[in-house]
Amino acid sequence: MSFGHLHLILNHIPILALPVVLIFLIYASVKNLDQVKRFSLLMTLVTSIIILPVFFTGEPAEDSVRELPSVSKSVIHEHEESAEVSLVLTLLVCASSLLVLLTYNKPLTIRYGTSLVLLLGFIAMGSLIYTGNLGGKIRHIEFTSEQVE
């Protein structure tokens, strides 16, 4: 299995798992379910950490497709730039989840920290979806109107 293949497999995990985990966190917050909230925060942390291997397998994936005739270098560049933003946002979700878990017994942390995780989580989720869409355009020319030279 190449790094390019690994990149394609791993990149779906945060895109698909983060929305599910955030929905559980909202549910746990509304219903005041302490154990579900803690588990949701832990799963947010784990889901966010997966962004690291996704990001670091991106460059080898680029190397494996860069010279193919149907690949647009401008689309690769745009995907790469967006991936950097998604990395930072997702790591902020990871850090905020960890902080809330470490200080969970403080009432203000539970309320405001969980709200911060949710806010950052939805922003990161949007960025991840956008980045994934750009990545799909690298080899799936049916998703773009751009003509490859």
Protein backbone atom coordinates (compact mmCIF):
# COMPACT_ATOMS: atom_id res chain seq x y z
CA MET A 1 0.00 0.00 0.00
CA SER A 2 1.41 3.37 -1.01
CA PHE A 3 1.19 6.63 0.93
CA GLY A 4 -1.16 7.89 -1.77
CA HIS A 5 -3.50 4.98 -1.13
CA LEU A 6 -3.26 5.50 2.62
CA HIS A 7 -4.06 9.21 2.14
CA LEU A 8 -7.19 8.35 0.17
CA ILE A 9 -8.36 5.91 2.83
CA LEU A 10 -7.63 8.08 5.89
CA ASN A 11 -8.98 11.39 4.59
CA HIS A 12 -12.55 10.13 4.79
CA ILE A 13 -12.39 9.44 8.52
CA PRO A 14 -12.39 13.02 9.88
CA ILE A 15 -14.79 14.19 7.16
CA LEU A 16 -17.35 11.54 8.07
CA ALA A 17 -16.70 11.01 11.79
CA LEU A 18 -16.48 14.61 12.99
CA PRO A 19 -20.11 15.51 12.13
CA VAL A 20 -21.36 12.34 13.85
CA VAL A 21 -19.32 13.02 16.99
CA LEU A 22 -20.46 16.65 17.09
CA ILE A 23 -24.11 15.58 16.84
CA PHE A 24 -23.58 13.25 19.81
CA LEU A 25 -21.93 16.10 21.72
CA ILE A 26 -24.91 18.37 21.04
CA TYR A 27 -27.31 15.63 22.14
CA ALA A 28 -25.32 14.97 25.33
CA SER A 29 -25.21 18.70 26.11
CA VAL A 30 -28.94 19.22 25.58
CA LYS A 31 -29.89 16.14 27.60
CA ASN A 32 -27.13 16.75 30.17
CA LEU A 33 -25.71 13.25 29.81
CA ASP A 34 -22.33 13.44 31.48
CA GLN A 35 -20.89 10.12 30.30
CA VAL A 36 -22.02 10.63 26.71
CA LYS A 37 -20.57 14.13 26.78
CA ARG A 38 -17.19 12.87 28.01
CA PHE A 39 -17.19 10.07 25.45
CA SER A 40 -18.12 12.52 22.68
CA LEU A 41 -15.29 14.83 23.70
CA LEU A 42 -12.88 11.88 23.72
CA MET A 43 -14.07 10.79 20.27
CA THR A 44 -13.74 14.39 19.02
CA LEU A 45 -10.15 14.31 20.24
CA VAL A 46 -9.43 10.96 18.55
CA THR A 47 -11.17 11.97 15.32
CA SER A 48 -9.21 15.21 15.22
CA ILE A 49 -5.86 13.53 15.78
CA ILE A 50 -6.41 11.48 12.61
CA ILE A 51 -5.81 14.69 10.65
CA LEU A 52 -2.06 14.28 11.26
CA PRO A 53 -1.52 11.12 9.19
CA VAL A 54 -3.99 12.46 6.61
CA PHE A 55 -1.96 15.64 6.23
CA PHE A 56 1.47 13.99 6.25
CA THR A 57 0.51 11.40 3.62
CA GLY A 58 -0.66 14.22 1.34
CA GLU A 59 2.75 15.12 -0.03
CA PRO A 60 3.62 11.53 -1.01
CA ALA A 61 0.15 11.23 -2.57
CA GLU A 62 0.88 14.37 -4.59
CA ASP A 63 4.19 12.92 -5.75
CA SER A 64 2.41 9.83 -7.08
CA VAL A 65 -0.08 11.77 -9.27
CA ARG A 66 1.63 15.08 -10.08
CA GLU A 67 2.99 14.00 -13.47
CA LEU A 68 -0.11 12.17 -14.69
CA PRO A 69 -1.60 13.81 -17.79
CA SER A 70 -5.11 14.29 -16.39
CA VAL A 71 -3.95 16.04 -13.21
CA SER A 72 -4.11 19.80 -12.81
CA LYS A 73 -1.24 21.27 -10.80
CA SER A 74 -3.39 24.27 -9.88
CA VAL A 75 -6.03 21.99 -8.32
CA ILE A 76 -3.30 20.19 -6.35
CA HIS A 77 -2.00 23.53 -5.09
CA GLU A 78 -5.47 24.73 -4.10
CA HIS A 79 -6.11 21.43 -2.27
CA GLU A 80 -2.77 21.72 -0.48
CA GLU A 81 -3.46 25.30 0.66
CA SER A 82 -6.91 24.32 1.93
CA ALA A 83 -5.44 21.28 3.70
CA GLU A 84 -3.14 23.54 5.71
CA VAL A 85 -6.12 25.56 6.95
CA SER A 86 -8.04 22.36 7.74
CA LEU A 87 -5.04 21.02 9.66
CA VAL A 88 -4.86 24.09 11.90
CA LEU A 89 -8.62 24.20 12.50
CA THR A 90 -8.83 20.50 13.26
CA LEU A 91 -5.88 20.65 15.64
CA LEU A 92 -7.65 23.51 17.45
CA VAL A 93 -10.64 21.19 17.88
CA CYS A 94 -8.27 18.52 19.18
CA ALA A 95 -6.62 20.90 21.66
CA SER A 96 -9.92 22.35 22.88
CA SER A 97 -11.36 18.84 23.38
CA LEU A 98 -8.29 17.84 25.37
CA LEU A 99 -8.48 21.00 27.48
CA VAL A 100 -12.15 20.42 28.29
CA LEU A 101 -11.49 16.80 29.21
CA LEU A 102 -8.57 17.74 31.47
CA THR A 103 -10.57 20.42 33.30
CA TYR A 104 -13.94 18.67 33.11
CA ASN A 105 -14.90 19.04 36.78
CA LYS A 106 -15.16 22.82 36.55
CA PRO A 107 -18.74 23.93 35.71
CA LEU A 108 -17.70 26.84 33.47
CA THR A 109 -15.38 24.56 31.51
CA ILE A 110 -18.19 22.14 30.80
CA ARG A 111 -20.53 24.84 29.50
CA TYR A 112 -18.17 27.16 27.65
CA GLY A 113 -15.55 24.58 26.75
CA THR A 114 -18.11 22.31 25.13
CA SER A 115 -19.53 25.27 23.24
CA LEU A 116 -16.03 26.14 22.03
CA VAL A 117 -15.42 22.55 20.87
CA LEU A 118 -18.73 22.61 18.98
CA LEU A 119 -18.03 25.98 17.35
CA LEU A 120 -14.51 25.03 16.29
CA GLY A 121 -15.72 21.57 15.30
CA PHE A 122 -18.32 22.88 12.87
CA ILE A 123 -15.86 25.36 11.37
CA ALA A 124 -13.27 22.60 10.96
CA MET A 125 -15.92 20.30 9.51
CA GLY A 126 -16.75 22.85 6.81
CA SER A 127 -13.08 23.27 6.02
CA LEU A 128 -12.53 19.51 5.86
CA ILE A 129 -15.46 19.04 3.49
CA TYR A 130 -14.19 21.83 1.23
CA THR A 131 -10.66 20.38 1.27
CA GLY A 132 -11.95 16.89 0.52
CA ASN A 133 -13.99 18.23 -2.38
CA LEU A 134 -10.88 19.89 -3.80
CA GLY A 135 -8.95 16.65 -3.36
CA GLY A 136 -11.60 14.78 -5.30
CA LYS A 137 -11.07 17.14 -8.22
CA ILE A 138 -7.42 16.12 -8.51
CA ARG A 139 -8.22 12.84 -10.22
CA HIS A 140 -11.97 13.05 -10.71
CA ILE A 141 -12.20 15.46 -13.61
CA GLU A 142 -15.97 14.99 -13.77
CA PHE A 143 -16.17 17.23 -10.66
CA THR A 144 -14.53 20.21 -12.31
CA SER A 145 -15.24 22.35 -15.32
CA GLU A 146 -11.53 23.20 -15.65
CA GLN A 147 -9.83 21.81 -18.75
CA VAL A 148 -6.49 20.16 -18.03
CA GLU A 149 -3.71 21.15 -20.41
